[in-house]
Amino acid sequence: MTFAEKIKTAVFWKHVLRVSLLFFVLLVLISLLINSFSDILKFDTEAVYTKNFADGNWIRFFSTKLIISLVYGMWIINRNMN
């Protein structure tokens, strides 16, 4: 089955969403740990918010991770689906 045929099935998208959601959550957690590790250890939520989400930064923070997660999910499911 080719990629073009796979993306037309509901099963493909169901699996892509499951994998992408899990990868998205992991990617967000890892990114927060990398960007604000010392602030997280200090329980300084205001600094974490300011650094990652304030002034429209949340759009860039989540959109890049969402796109990466969807591409990763499509790639993994395409590779493993028969």
PDB file of N, CA and C in Angstrom:
ATOM      1  N   MET A   1       0.842  -1.168   0.000  1.00  0.00           N
ATOM      2  CA  MET A   1       0.000   0.000   0.000  1.00  0.00           C
ATOM      3  C   MET A   1       0.897   1.245   0.000  1.00  0.00           C
ATOM      4  N   THR A   2       0.625   2.154  -0.883  1.00  0.00           N
ATOM      5  CA  THR A   2       1.427   3.371  -0.975  1.00  0.00           C
ATOM      6  C   THR A   2       0.990   4.393   0.074  1.00  0.00           C
ATOM      7  N   PHE A   3       1.830   5.402   0.246  1.00  0.00           N
ATOM      8  CA  PHE A   3       1.522   6.454   1.221  1.00  0.00           C
ATOM      9  C   PHE A   3       0.231   7.177   0.856  1.00  0.00           C
ATOM     10  N   ALA A   4       0.028   7.444  -0.433  1.00  0.00           N
ATOM     11  CA  ALA A   4      -1.183   8.139  -0.882  1.00  0.00           C
ATOM     12  C   ALA A   4      -2.438   7.331  -0.567  1.00  0.00           C
ATOM     13  N   GLU A   5      -2.352   6.010  -0.634  1.00  0.00           N
ATOM     14  CA  GLU A   5      -3.494   5.165  -0.302  1.00  0.00           C
ATOM     15  C   GLU A   5      -3.713   5.108   1.208  1.00  0.00           C
ATOM     16  N   LYS A   6      -2.626   5.120   1.961  1.00  0.00           N
ATOM     17  CA  LYS A   6      -2.730   5.032   3.417  1.00  0.00           C
ATOM     18  C   LYS A   6      -3.381   6.274   4.015  1.00  0.00           C
ATOM     19  N   ILE A   7      -3.052   7.455   3.481  1.00  0.00           N
ATOM     20  CA  ILE A   7      -3.595   8.683   4.084  1.00  0.00           C
ATOM     21  C   ILE A   7      -5.086   8.860   3.806  1.00  0.00           C
ATOM     22  N   LYS A   8      -5.640   8.049   2.958  1.00  0.00           N
ATOM     23  CA  LYS A   8      -7.069   8.111   2.671  1.00  0.00           C
ATOM     24  C   LYS A   8      -7.892   7.256   3.627  1.00  0.00           C
ATOM     25  N   THR A   9      -7.232   6.499   4.501  1.00  0.00           N
ATOM     26  CA  THR A   9      -7.959   5.632   5.414  1.00  0.00           C
ATOM     27  C   THR A   9      -8.088   6.272   6.793  1.00  0.00           C
ATOM     28  N   ALA A  10      -9.198   5.997   7.443  1.00  0.00           N
ATOM     29  CA  ALA A  10      -9.435   6.538   8.783  1.00  0.00           C
ATOM     30  C   ALA A  10      -8.532   5.875   9.816  1.00  0.00           C
ATOM     31  N   VAL A  11      -8.191   4.631   9.608  1.00  0.00           N
ATOM     32  CA  VAL A  11      -7.331   3.909  10.551  1.00  0.00           C
ATOM     33  C   VAL A  11      -5.954   4.563  10.616  1.00  0.00           C
ATOM     34  N   PHE A  12      -5.444   4.982   9.476  1.00  0.00           N
ATOM     35  CA  PHE A  12      -4.143   5.645   9.426  1.00  0.00           C
ATOM     36  C   PHE A  12      -4.159   6.897  10.294  1.00  0.00           C
ATOM     37  N   TRP A  13      -5.168   7.736  10.138  1.00  0.00           N
ATOM     38  CA  TRP A  13      -5.237   8.992  10.878  1.00  0.00           C
ATOM     39  C   TRP A  13      -5.494   8.767  12.361  1.00  0.00           C
ATOM     40  N   LYS A  14      -6.244   7.717  12.685  1.00  0.00           N
ATOM     41  CA  LYS A  14      -6.473   7.381  14.092  1.00  0.00           C
ATOM     42  C   LYS A  14      -5.148   7.044  14.768  1.00  0.00           C
ATOM     43  N   HIS A  15      -4.340   6.236  14.110  1.00  0.00           N
ATOM     44  CA  HIS A  15      -3.035   5.860  14.660  1.00  0.00           C
ATOM     45  C   HIS A  15      -2.076   7.046  14.680  1.00  0.00           C
ATOM     46  N   VAL A  16      -2.119   7.872  13.654  1.00  0.00           N
ATOM     47  CA  VAL A  16      -1.257   9.059  13.606  1.00  0.00           C
ATOM     48  C   VAL A  16      -1.572   9.984  14.777  1.00  0.00           C
ATOM     49  N   LEU A  17      -2.841  10.204  15.056  1.00  0.00           N
ATOM     50  CA  LEU A  17      -3.219  11.081  16.161  1.00  0.00           C
ATOM     51  C   LEU A  17      -2.793  10.516  17.511  1.00  0.00           C
ATOM     52  N   ARG A  18      -2.896   9.204  17.671  1.00  0.00           N
ATOM     53  CA  ARG A  18      -2.478   8.595  18.934  1.00  0.00           C
ATOM     54  C   ARG A  18      -0.984   8.746  19.149  1.00  0.00           C
ATOM     55  N   VAL A  19      -0.202   8.446  18.126  1.00  0.00           N
ATOM     56  CA  VAL A  19       1.258   8.558  18.233  1.00  0.00           C
ATOM     57  C   VAL A  19       1.670  10.014  18.370  1.00  0.00           C
ATOM     58  N   SER A  20       1.060  10.885  17.594  1.00  0.00           N
ATOM     59  CA  SER A  20       1.409  12.311  17.625  1.00  0.00           C
ATOM     60  C   SER A  20       1.095  12.950  18.964  1.00  0.00           C
ATOM     61  N   LEU A  21      -0.023  12.580  19.566  1.00  0.00           N
ATOM     62  CA  LEU A  21      -0.390  13.146  20.859  1.00  0.00           C
ATOM     63  C   LEU A  21       0.620  12.756  21.936  1.00  0.00           C
ATOM     64  N   LEU A  22       0.986  11.500  21.963  1.00  0.00           N
ATOM     65  CA  LEU A  22       1.981  11.043  22.932  1.00  0.00           C
ATOM     66  C   LEU A  22       3.322  11.735  22.705  1.00  0.00           C
ATOM     67  N   PHE A  23       3.752  11.811  21.448  1.00  0.00           N
ATOM     68  CA  PHE A  23       5.025  12.458  21.139  1.00  0.00           C
ATOM     69  C   PHE A  23       4.975  13.953  21.460  1.00  0.00           C
ATOM     70  N   PHE A  24       3.831  14.587  21.221  1.00  0.00           N
ATOM     71  CA  PHE A  24       3.663  16.006  21.520  1.00  0.00           C
ATOM     72  C   PHE A  24       3.830  16.272  23.017  1.00  0.00           C
ATOM     73  N   VAL A  25       3.190  15.465  23.843  1.00  0.00           N
ATOM     74  CA  VAL A  25       3.291  15.638  25.289  1.00  0.00           C
ATOM     75  C   VAL A  25       4.741  15.450  25.745  1.00  0.00           C
ATOM     76  N   LEU A  26       5.392  14.410  25.244  1.00  0.00           N
ATOM     77  CA  LEU A  26       6.795  14.178  25.601  1.00  0.00           C
ATOM     78  C   LEU A  26       7.695  15.322  25.134  1.00  0.00           C
ATOM     79  N   LEU A  27       7.452  15.817  23.943  1.00  0.00           N
ATOM     80  CA  LEU A  27       8.250  16.901  23.390  1.00  0.00           C
ATOM     81  C   LEU A  27       8.070  18.197  24.182  1.00  0.00           C
ATOM     82  N   VAL A  28       6.855  18.483  24.608  1.00  0.00           N
ATOM     83  CA  VAL A  28       6.599  19.671  25.420  1.00  0.00           C
ATOM     84  C   VAL A  28       7.309  19.555  26.765  1.00  0.00           C
ATOM     85  N   LEU A  29       7.194  18.397  27.402  1.00  0.00           N
ATOM     86  CA  LEU A  29       7.853  18.210  28.696  1.00  0.00           C
ATOM     87  C   LEU A  29       9.371  18.318  28.585  1.00  0.00           C
ATOM     88  N   ILE A  30       9.938  17.700  27.577  1.00  0.00           N
ATOM     89  CA  ILE A  30      11.392  17.758  27.386  1.00  0.00           C
ATOM     90  C   ILE A  30      11.834  19.183  27.073  1.00  0.00           C
ATOM     91  N   SER A  31      11.070  19.880  26.249  1.00  0.00           N
ATOM     92  CA  SER A  31      11.417  21.265  25.910  1.00  0.00           C
ATOM     93  C   SER A  31      11.357  22.171  27.132  1.00  0.00           C
ATOM     94  N   LEU A  32      10.342  21.984  27.963  1.00  0.00           N
ATOM     95  CA  LEU A  32      10.263  22.783  29.181  1.00  0.00           C
ATOM     96  C   LEU A  32      11.428  22.484  30.117  1.00  0.00           C
ATOM     97  N   LEU A  33      11.794  21.223  30.205  1.00  0.00           N
ATOM     98  CA  LEU A  33      12.934  20.875  31.052  1.00  0.00           C
ATOM     99  C   LEU A  33      14.235  21.474  30.524  1.00  0.00           C
ATOM    100  N   ILE A  34      14.421  21.454  29.229  1.00  0.00           N
ATOM    101  CA  ILE A  34      15.644  22.009  28.645  1.00  0.00           C
ATOM    102  C   ILE A  34      15.666  23.532  28.772  1.00  0.00           C
ATOM    103  N   ASN A  35      14.548  24.183  28.476  1.00  0.00           N
ATOM    104  CA  ASN A  35      14.504  25.649  28.482  1.00  0.00           C
ATOM    105  C   ASN A  35      14.509  26.251  29.879  1.00  0.00           C
ATOM    106  N   SER A  36      13.876  25.569  30.835  1.00  0.00           N
ATOM    107  CA  SER A  36      13.656  26.184  32.145  1.00  0.00           C
ATOM    108  C   SER A  36      13.949  25.225  33.292  1.00  0.00           C
ATOM    109  N   PHE A  37      14.975  24.443  33.187  1.00  0.00           N
ATOM    110  CA  PHE A  37      15.252  23.426  34.200  1.00  0.00           C
ATOM    111  C   PHE A  37      15.463  24.030  35.586  1.00  0.00           C
ATOM    112  N   SER A  38      16.267  25.072  35.679  1.00  0.00           N
ATOM    113  CA  SER A  38      16.545  25.657  36.992  1.00  0.00           C
ATOM    114  C   SER A  38      15.299  26.316  37.585  1.00  0.00           C
ATOM    115  N   ASP A  39      14.484  26.932  36.737  1.00  0.00           N
ATOM    116  CA  ASP A  39      13.243  27.543  37.227  1.00  0.00           C
ATOM    117  C   ASP A  39      12.242  26.487  37.696  1.00  0.00           C
ATOM    118  N   ILE A  40      12.210  25.355  37.022  1.00  0.00           N
ATOM    119  CA  ILE A  40      11.319  24.270  37.428  1.00  0.00           C
ATOM    120  C   ILE A  40      11.766  23.693  38.762  1.00  0.00           C
ATOM    121  N   LEU A  41      13.075  23.551  38.949  1.00  0.00           N
ATOM    122  CA  LEU A  41      13.572  23.042  40.230  1.00  0.00           C
ATOM    123  C   LEU A  41      13.279  23.992  41.383  1.00  0.00           C
ATOM    124  N   LYS A  42      13.243  25.278  41.086  1.00  0.00           N
ATOM    125  CA  LYS A  42      12.930  26.290  42.104  1.00  0.00           C
ATOM    126  C   LYS A  42      11.420  26.465  42.296  1.00  0.00           C
ATOM    127  N   PHE A  43      10.619  25.780  41.488  1.00  0.00           N
ATOM    128  CA  PHE A  43       9.163  25.921  41.483  1.00  0.00           C
ATOM    129  C   PHE A  43       8.748  27.362  41.189  1.00  0.00           C
ATOM    130  N   ASP A  44       9.503  28.013  40.312  1.00  0.00           N
ATOM    131  CA  ASP A  44       9.210  29.394  39.914  1.00  0.00           C
ATOM    132  C   ASP A  44       8.374  29.366  38.629  1.00  0.00           C
ATOM    133  N   THR A  45       7.067  29.195  38.808  1.00  0.00           N
ATOM    134  CA  THR A  45       6.191  29.074  37.648  1.00  0.00           C
ATOM    135  C   THR A  45       6.085  30.380  36.858  1.00  0.00           C
ATOM    136  N   GLU A  46       6.236  31.495  37.532  1.00  0.00           N
ATOM    137  CA  GLU A  46       6.181  32.789  36.851  1.00  0.00           C
ATOM    138  C   GLU A  46       7.328  32.933  35.852  1.00  0.00           C
ATOM    139  N   ALA A  47       8.523  32.485  36.230  1.00  0.00           N
ATOM    140  CA  ALA A  47       9.674  32.553  35.324  1.00  0.00           C
ATOM    141  C   ALA A  47       9.506  31.597  34.147  1.00  0.00           C
ATOM    142  N   VAL A  48       8.958  30.425  34.409  1.00  0.00           N
ATOM    143  CA  VAL A  48       8.706  29.460  33.330  1.00  0.00           C
ATOM    144  C   VAL A  48       7.685  30.037  32.355  1.00  0.00           C
ATOM    145  N   TYR A  49       6.635  30.625  32.899  1.00  0.00           N
ATOM    146  CA  TYR A  49       5.605  31.244  32.058  1.00  0.00           C
ATOM    147  C   TYR A  49       6.179  32.390  31.230  1.00  0.00           C
ATOM    148  N   THR A  50       6.940  33.251  31.856  1.00  0.00           N
ATOM    149  CA  THR A  50       7.502  34.405  31.167  1.00  0.00           C
ATOM    150  C   THR A  50       8.455  33.981  30.058  1.00  0.00           C
ATOM    151  N   LYS A  51       9.270  32.995  30.337  1.00  0.00           N
ATOM    152  CA  LYS A  51      10.277  32.567  29.374  1.00  0.00           C
ATOM    153  C   LYS A  51       9.675  31.811  28.184  1.00  0.00           C
ATOM    154  N   ASN A  52       8.648  31.018  28.417  1.00  0.00           N
ATOM    155  CA  ASN A  52       8.139  30.134  27.367  1.00  0.00           C
ATOM    156  C   ASN A  52       6.800  30.534  26.758  1.00  0.00           C
ATOM    157  N   PHE A  53       5.934  31.228  27.514  1.00  0.00           N
ATOM    158  CA  PHE A  53       4.574  31.416  27.046  1.00  0.00           C
ATOM    159  C   PHE A  53       4.107  32.865  26.951  1.00  0.00           C
ATOM    160  N   ALA A  54       4.737  33.796  27.619  1.00  0.00           N
ATOM    161  CA  ALA A  54       4.269  35.188  27.649  1.00  0.00           C
ATOM    162  C   ALA A  54       4.508  35.896  26.317  1.00  0.00           C
ATOM    163  N   ASP A  55       3.743  36.940  26.076  1.00  0.00           N
ATOM    164  CA  ASP A  55       3.881  37.808  24.896  1.00  0.00           C
ATOM    165  C   ASP A  55       3.790  37.059  23.576  1.00  0.00           C
ATOM    166  N   GLY A  56       2.913  36.089  23.487  1.00  0.00           N
ATOM    167  CA  GLY A  56       2.717  35.356  22.242  1.00  0.00           C
ATOM    168  C   GLY A  56       3.737  34.268  21.976  1.00  0.00           C
ATOM    169  N   ASN A  57       4.659  34.025  22.892  1.00  0.00           N
ATOM    170  CA  ASN A  57       5.636  32.949  22.701  1.00  0.00           C
ATOM    171  C   ASN A  57       4.986  31.577  22.708  1.00  0.00           C
ATOM    172  N   TRP A  58       3.819  31.466  23.312  1.00  0.00           N
ATOM    173  CA  TRP A  58       3.150  30.171  23.378  1.00  0.00           C
ATOM    174  C   TRP A  58       2.771  29.670  21.985  1.00  0.00           C
ATOM    175  N   ILE A  59       2.486  30.587  21.066  1.00  0.00           N
ATOM    176  CA  ILE A  59       2.128  30.178  19.704  1.00  0.00           C
ATOM    177  C   ILE A  59       3.306  29.482  19.037  1.00  0.00           C
ATOM    178  N   ARG A  60       4.468  30.089  19.101  1.00  0.00           N
ATOM    179  CA  ARG A  60       5.662  29.491  18.514  1.00  0.00           C
ATOM    180  C   ARG A  60       6.055  28.217  19.257  1.00  0.00           C
ATOM    181  N   PHE A  61       5.935  28.232  20.587  1.00  0.00           N
ATOM    182  CA  PHE A  61       6.308  27.080  21.405  1.00  0.00           C
ATOM    183  C   PHE A  61       5.483  25.856  21.030  1.00  0.00           C
ATOM    184  N   PHE A  62       4.158  26.010  20.972  1.00  0.00           N
ATOM    185  CA  PHE A  62       3.298  24.863  20.710  1.00  0.00           C
ATOM    186  C   PHE A  62       3.188  24.524  19.221  1.00  0.00           C
ATOM    187  N   SER A  63       3.205  25.513  18.338  1.00  0.00           N
ATOM    188  CA  SER A  63       3.026  25.221  16.916  1.00  0.00           C
ATOM    189  C   SER A  63       4.186  24.413  16.346  1.00  0.00           C
ATOM    190  N   THR A  64       5.404  24.733  16.717  1.00  0.00           N
ATOM    191  CA  THR A  64       6.534  23.957  16.204  1.00  0.00           C
ATOM    192  C   THR A  64       6.481  22.520  16.703  1.00  0.00           C
ATOM    193  N   LYS A  65       6.116  22.340  17.949  1.00  0.00           N
ATOM    194  CA  LYS A  65       6.034  20.994  18.505  1.00  0.00           C
ATOM    195  C   LYS A  65       4.874  20.212  17.907  1.00  0.00           C
ATOM    196  N   LEU A  66       3.778  20.896  17.612  1.00  0.00           N
ATOM    197  CA  LEU A  66       2.638  20.242  16.989  1.00  0.00           C
ATOM    198  C   LEU A  66       2.976  19.765  15.578  1.00  0.00           C
ATOM    199  N   ILE A  67       3.636  20.606  14.806  1.00  0.00           N
ATOM    200  CA  ILE A  67       4.021  20.232  13.442  1.00  0.00           C
ATOM    201  C   ILE A  67       5.019  19.074  13.461  1.00  0.00           C
ATOM    202  N   ILE A  68       6.011  19.160  14.326  1.00  0.00           N
ATOM    203  CA  ILE A  68       7.003  18.088  14.440  1.00  0.00           C
ATOM    204  C   ILE A  68       6.323  16.791  14.855  1.00  0.00           C
ATOM    205  N   SER A  69       5.383  16.856  15.777  1.00  0.00           N
ATOM    206  CA  SER A  69       4.684  15.660  16.257  1.00  0.00           C
ATOM    207  C   SER A  69       3.839  15.019  15.157  1.00  0.00           C
ATOM    208  N   LEU A  70       3.138  15.833  14.380  1.00  0.00           N
ATOM    209  CA  LEU A  70       2.329  15.287  13.290  1.00  0.00           C
ATOM    210  C   LEU A  70       3.191  14.646  12.213  1.00  0.00           C
ATOM    211  N   VAL A  71       4.281  15.283  11.865  1.00  0.00           N
ATOM    212  CA  VAL A  71       5.189  14.708  10.855  1.00  0.00           C
ATOM    213  C   VAL A  71       5.789  13.398  11.373  1.00  0.00           C
ATOM    214  N   TYR A  72       6.197  13.388  12.629  1.00  0.00           N
ATOM    215  CA  TYR A  72       6.749  12.174  13.222  1.00  0.00           C
ATOM    216  C   TYR A  72       5.706  11.055  13.256  1.00  0.00           C
ATOM    217  N   GLY A  73       4.483  11.378  13.659  1.00  0.00           N
ATOM    218  CA  GLY A  73       3.421  10.379  13.704  1.00  0.00           C
ATOM    219  C   GLY A  73       3.115   9.808  12.333  1.00  0.00           C
ATOM    220  N   MET A  74       3.054  10.660  11.322  1.00  0.00           N
ATOM    221  CA  MET A  74       2.800  10.183   9.964  1.00  0.00           C
ATOM    222  C   MET A  74       3.934   9.300   9.477  1.00  0.00           C
ATOM    223  N   TRP A  75       5.163   9.672   9.787  1.00  0.00           N
ATOM    224  CA  TRP A  75       6.308   8.894   9.344  1.00  0.00           C
ATOM    225  C   TRP A  75       6.328   7.516  10.012  1.00  0.00           C
ATOM    226  N   ILE A  76       6.104   7.477  11.323  1.00  0.00           N
ATOM    227  CA  ILE A  76       6.137   6.212  12.052  1.00  0.00           C
ATOM    228  C   ILE A  76       5.001   5.295  11.600  1.00  0.00           C
ATOM    229  N   ILE A  77       3.809   5.812  11.492  1.00  0.00           N
ATOM    230  CA  ILE A  77       2.672   4.983  11.108  1.00  0.00           C
ATOM    231  C   ILE A  77       2.799   4.520   9.655  1.00  0.00           C
ATOM    232  N   ASN A  78       3.280   5.387   8.773  1.00  0.00           N
ATOM    233  CA  ASN A  78       3.493   4.976   7.385  1.00  0.00           C
ATOM    234  C   ASN A  78       4.507   3.841   7.303  1.00  0.00           C
ATOM    235  N   ARG A  79       5.536   3.933   8.101  1.00  0.00           N
ATOM    236  CA  ARG A  79       6.585   2.914   8.089  1.00  0.00           C
ATOM    237  C   ARG A  79       6.102   1.583   8.658  1.00  0.00           C
ATOM    238  N   ASN A  80       5.219   1.620   9.649  1.00  0.00           N
ATOM    239  CA  ASN A  80       4.800   0.399  10.334  1.00  0.00           C
ATOM    240  C   ASN A  80       3.467  -0.180   9.859  1.00  0.00           C
ATOM    241  N   MET A  81       2.727   0.556   9.057  1.00  0.00           N
ATOM    242  CA  MET A  81       1.410   0.088   8.602  1.00  0.00           C
ATOM    243  C   MET A  81       1.551  -0.700   7.310  1.00  0.00           C
ATOM    244  N   ASN A  82       0.878  -1.827   7.274  1.00  0.00           N
ATOM    245  CA  ASN A  82       0.930  -2.666   6.057  1.00  0.00           C
ATOM    246  C   ASN A  82      -0.241  -2.404   5.163  1.00  0.00           C
TER     247      ASN A  82
END
